[in-house]
Every structure is written in structure tokens, then in C-alpha cells.
Amino acid sequence: MTYDSESILADFHAKRQLGYPLLRDDEVKYVNALGIRNEEYGPGHMGYGIPHPGILYIKSDGTIAAKYAVPGYRSRPPLEEIYDQISAGIKAGG
């Protein structure tokens, strides 16, 4: 999720030939609602509104089944760990 302009996102999407949509939140509404905004940058700063790096697992009904957001981009949980937790939730009906 980013606050970049639609033209920047469209250009990036086309160049990378992504198979998924990019999310835009120029008013910081969703980043704040999800509790993932990087508080290091205050209003007026160029980085204001940037989220912590992470992963959201959103079920087909629109509910968030898992949220992983970490303060720094250098330390992230192993993808296998996240996959296992999501898989366990799906098998349990979550």
C-alpha cells in the first residue's frame, strides 16, 4: 500500500507486469485503520503515511485473517512461517 500517484503506480505495474493490483492510500485512511503506519514520520514529512512493511491475508469475504507488520524492513518473519500460520487457519475454518 502506497501513497504514490496513480500514474506512478500504473507505470510501475506495467513495467513489472504484476499479476495483482497495487493499493493506494493517499489520505492515510487505511494505513491508520489497519494500525500499520510508520510513526517515525509525522504529518508534513515526505514519508508520512508510509506503512510498516508487512503482509495482509484478506479472505474472499473481505475480512482480515492475518496481519504481519514489522517496524523495520530488514527483519521479517520467514515466508514459510507465515504460510504455515495462514494454512493452519484455513484448515481450521479461519
C-alpha atoms as a PDB file:
ATOM      1  CA  MET A   1       0.000   0.000   0.000  1.00  0.00           C
ATOM      2  CA  THR A   2       1.434   3.316  -1.005  1.00  0.00           C
ATOM      3  CA  TYR A   3       0.598   6.978  -1.296  1.00  0.00           C
ATOM      4  CA  ASP A   4       2.227   7.296  -4.734  1.00  0.00           C
ATOM      5  CA  SER A   5       0.215   8.851  -7.574  1.00  0.00           C
ATOM      6  CA  GLU A   6      -1.929   6.746  -9.876  1.00  0.00           C
ATOM      7  CA  SER A   7       0.444   7.438 -12.781  1.00  0.00           C
ATOM      8  CA  ILE A   8       3.474   6.232 -10.804  1.00  0.00           C
ATOM      9  CA  LEU A   9       1.617   3.069  -9.794  1.00  0.00           C
ATOM     10  CA  ALA A  10       0.396   2.425 -13.344  1.00  0.00           C
ATOM     11  CA  ASP A  11       3.916   2.835 -14.736  1.00  0.00           C
ATOM     12  CA  PHE A  12       5.445   0.561 -12.083  1.00  0.00           C
ATOM     13  CA  HIS A  13       2.698  -2.029 -12.593  1.00  0.00           C
ATOM     14  CA  ALA A  14       3.191  -2.067 -16.367  1.00  0.00           C
ATOM     15  CA  LYS A  15       6.995  -2.258 -16.188  1.00  0.00           C
ATOM     16  CA  ARG A  16       6.950  -5.129 -13.684  1.00  0.00           C
ATOM     17  CA  GLN A  17       3.992  -6.915 -15.322  1.00  0.00           C
ATOM     18  CA  LEU A  18       2.453  -7.611 -11.931  1.00  0.00           C
ATOM     19  CA  GLY A  19      -0.382 -10.101 -11.697  1.00  0.00           C
ATOM     20  CA  TYR A  20      -2.044  -8.316  -8.789  1.00  0.00           C
ATOM     21  CA  PRO A  21      -3.320  -4.807  -8.077  1.00  0.00           C
ATOM     22  CA  LEU A  22      -1.361  -2.194  -6.159  1.00  0.00           C
ATOM     23  CA  LEU A  23      -3.149  -0.440  -3.307  1.00  0.00           C
ATOM     24  CA  ARG A  24      -3.127   3.333  -3.000  1.00  0.00           C
ATOM     25  CA  ASP A  25      -3.910   5.239   0.195  1.00  0.00           C
ATOM     26  CA  ASP A  26      -3.062   8.892  -0.390  1.00  0.00           C
ATOM     27  CA  GLU A  27      -5.105  10.060   2.618  1.00  0.00           C
ATOM     28  CA  VAL A  28      -3.507   7.559   5.067  1.00  0.00           C
ATOM     29  CA  LYS A  29      -7.031   6.362   5.915  1.00  0.00           C
ATOM     30  CA  TYR A  30      -6.461   2.631   5.525  1.00  0.00           C
ATOM     31  CA  VAL A  31      -2.905   2.549   6.848  1.00  0.00           C
ATOM     32  CA  ASN A  32      -4.143   4.205  10.052  1.00  0.00           C
ATOM     33  CA  ALA A  33      -7.233   1.967  10.292  1.00  0.00           C
ATOM     34  CA  LEU A  34      -5.044  -1.126   9.972  1.00  0.00           C
ATOM     35  CA  GLY A  35      -2.599   0.187  12.566  1.00  0.00           C
ATOM     36  CA  ILE A  36       0.408  -0.227  10.283  1.00  0.00           C
ATOM     37  CA  ARG A  37       1.553   3.387   9.744  1.00  0.00           C
ATOM     38  CA  ASN A  38       5.233   4.004  10.368  1.00  0.00           C
ATOM     39  CA  GLU A  39       5.072   6.540  13.218  1.00  0.00           C
ATOM     40  CA  GLU A  40       8.656   7.609  12.546  1.00  0.00           C
ATOM     41  CA  TYR A  41       7.333  10.150  10.036  1.00  0.00           C
ATOM     42  CA  GLY A  42       4.903  12.840  11.167  1.00  0.00           C
ATOM     43  CA  PRO A  43       2.446  14.954   9.182  1.00  0.00           C
ATOM     44  CA  GLY A  44       4.252  17.195   6.725  1.00  0.00           C
ATOM     45  CA  HIS A  45       7.198  14.822   6.320  1.00  0.00           C
ATOM     46  CA  MET A  46       7.748  13.285   2.883  1.00  0.00           C
ATOM     47  CA  GLY A  47       7.456   9.797   4.410  1.00  0.00           C
ATOM     48  CA  TYR A  48       4.221  10.471   6.296  1.00  0.00           C
ATOM     49  CA  GLY A  49       1.688   7.741   5.633  1.00  0.00           C
ATOM     50  CA  ILE A  50       4.134   5.034   4.699  1.00  0.00           C
ATOM     51  CA  PRO A  51       3.195   1.711   6.295  1.00  0.00           C
ATOM     52  CA  HIS A  52       5.471  -0.695   8.071  1.00  0.00           C
ATOM     53  CA  PRO A  53       6.476  -3.500   5.703  1.00  0.00           C
ATOM     54  CA  GLY A  54       4.254  -6.495   6.045  1.00  0.00           C
ATOM     55  CA  ILE A  55       1.637  -8.834   4.698  1.00  0.00           C
ATOM     56  CA  LEU A  56      -2.143  -8.831   4.993  1.00  0.00           C
ATOM     57  CA  TYR A  57      -4.075 -12.021   4.355  1.00  0.00           C
ATOM     58  CA  ILE A  58      -7.561 -10.960   3.292  1.00  0.00           C
ATOM     59  CA  LYS A  59     -10.176 -13.672   2.916  1.00  0.00           C
ATOM     60  CA  SER A  60     -12.601 -13.749  -0.003  1.00  0.00           C
ATOM     61  CA  ASP A  61     -15.327 -12.256   2.232  1.00  0.00           C
ATOM     62  CA  GLY A  62     -13.114  -9.190   2.838  1.00  0.00           C
ATOM     63  CA  THR A  63     -12.127  -9.949   6.437  1.00  0.00           C
ATOM     64  CA  ILE A  64      -8.513  -9.798   7.510  1.00  0.00           C
ATOM     65  CA  ALA A  65      -7.458 -13.256   8.668  1.00  0.00           C
ATOM     66  CA  ALA A  66      -3.824 -12.378   9.420  1.00  0.00           C
ATOM     67  CA  LYS A  67      -1.678  -9.265   9.649  1.00  0.00           C
ATOM     68  CA  TYR A  68       2.088  -9.177   9.782  1.00  0.00           C
ATOM     69  CA  ALA A  69       3.639  -5.738  10.061  1.00  0.00           C
ATOM     70  CA  VAL A  70       7.154  -5.186  11.321  1.00  0.00           C
ATOM     71  CA  PRO A  71       8.867  -1.920  12.287  1.00  0.00           C
ATOM     72  CA  GLY A  72      11.878  -2.378  10.013  1.00  0.00           C
ATOM     73  CA  TYR A  73      12.274  -3.683   6.517  1.00  0.00           C
ATOM     74  CA  ARG A  74      15.426  -5.660   7.346  1.00  0.00           C
ATOM     75  CA  SER A  75      13.906  -8.095   9.827  1.00  0.00           C
ATOM     76  CA  ARG A  76      10.906 -10.031   8.542  1.00  0.00           C
ATOM     77  CA  PRO A  77       9.436 -13.368   9.540  1.00  0.00           C
ATOM     78  CA  PRO A  78      10.304 -16.241   7.215  1.00  0.00           C
ATOM     79  CA  LEU A  79       7.707 -16.649   4.470  1.00  0.00           C
ATOM     80  CA  GLU A  80       7.355 -20.340   5.372  1.00  0.00           C
ATOM     81  CA  GLU A  81       6.299 -19.360   8.907  1.00  0.00           C
ATOM     82  CA  ILE A  82       3.624 -17.006   7.603  1.00  0.00           C
ATOM     83  CA  TYR A  83       2.421 -19.571   5.056  1.00  0.00           C
ATOM     84  CA  ASP A  84       2.168 -22.271   7.741  1.00  0.00           C
ATOM     85  CA  GLN A  85       0.141 -20.000  10.041  1.00  0.00           C
ATOM     86  CA  ILE A  86      -2.244 -18.998   7.259  1.00  0.00           C
ATOM     87  CA  SER A  87      -2.588 -22.602   6.083  1.00  0.00           C
ATOM     88  CA  ALA A  88      -3.385 -23.747   9.633  1.00  0.00           C
ATOM     89  CA  GLY A  89      -6.080 -21.057   9.870  1.00  0.00           C
ATOM     90  CA  ILE A  90      -7.629 -22.115   6.568  1.00  0.00           C
ATOM     91  CA  LYS A  91      -7.714 -25.773   7.616  1.00  0.00           C
ATOM     92  CA  ALA A  92      -9.327 -24.797  10.924  1.00  0.00           C
ATOM     93  CA  GLY A  93     -12.019 -22.860   9.083  1.00  0.00           C
ATOM     94  CA  GLY A  94     -10.455 -19.445   9.726  1.00  0.00           C
END
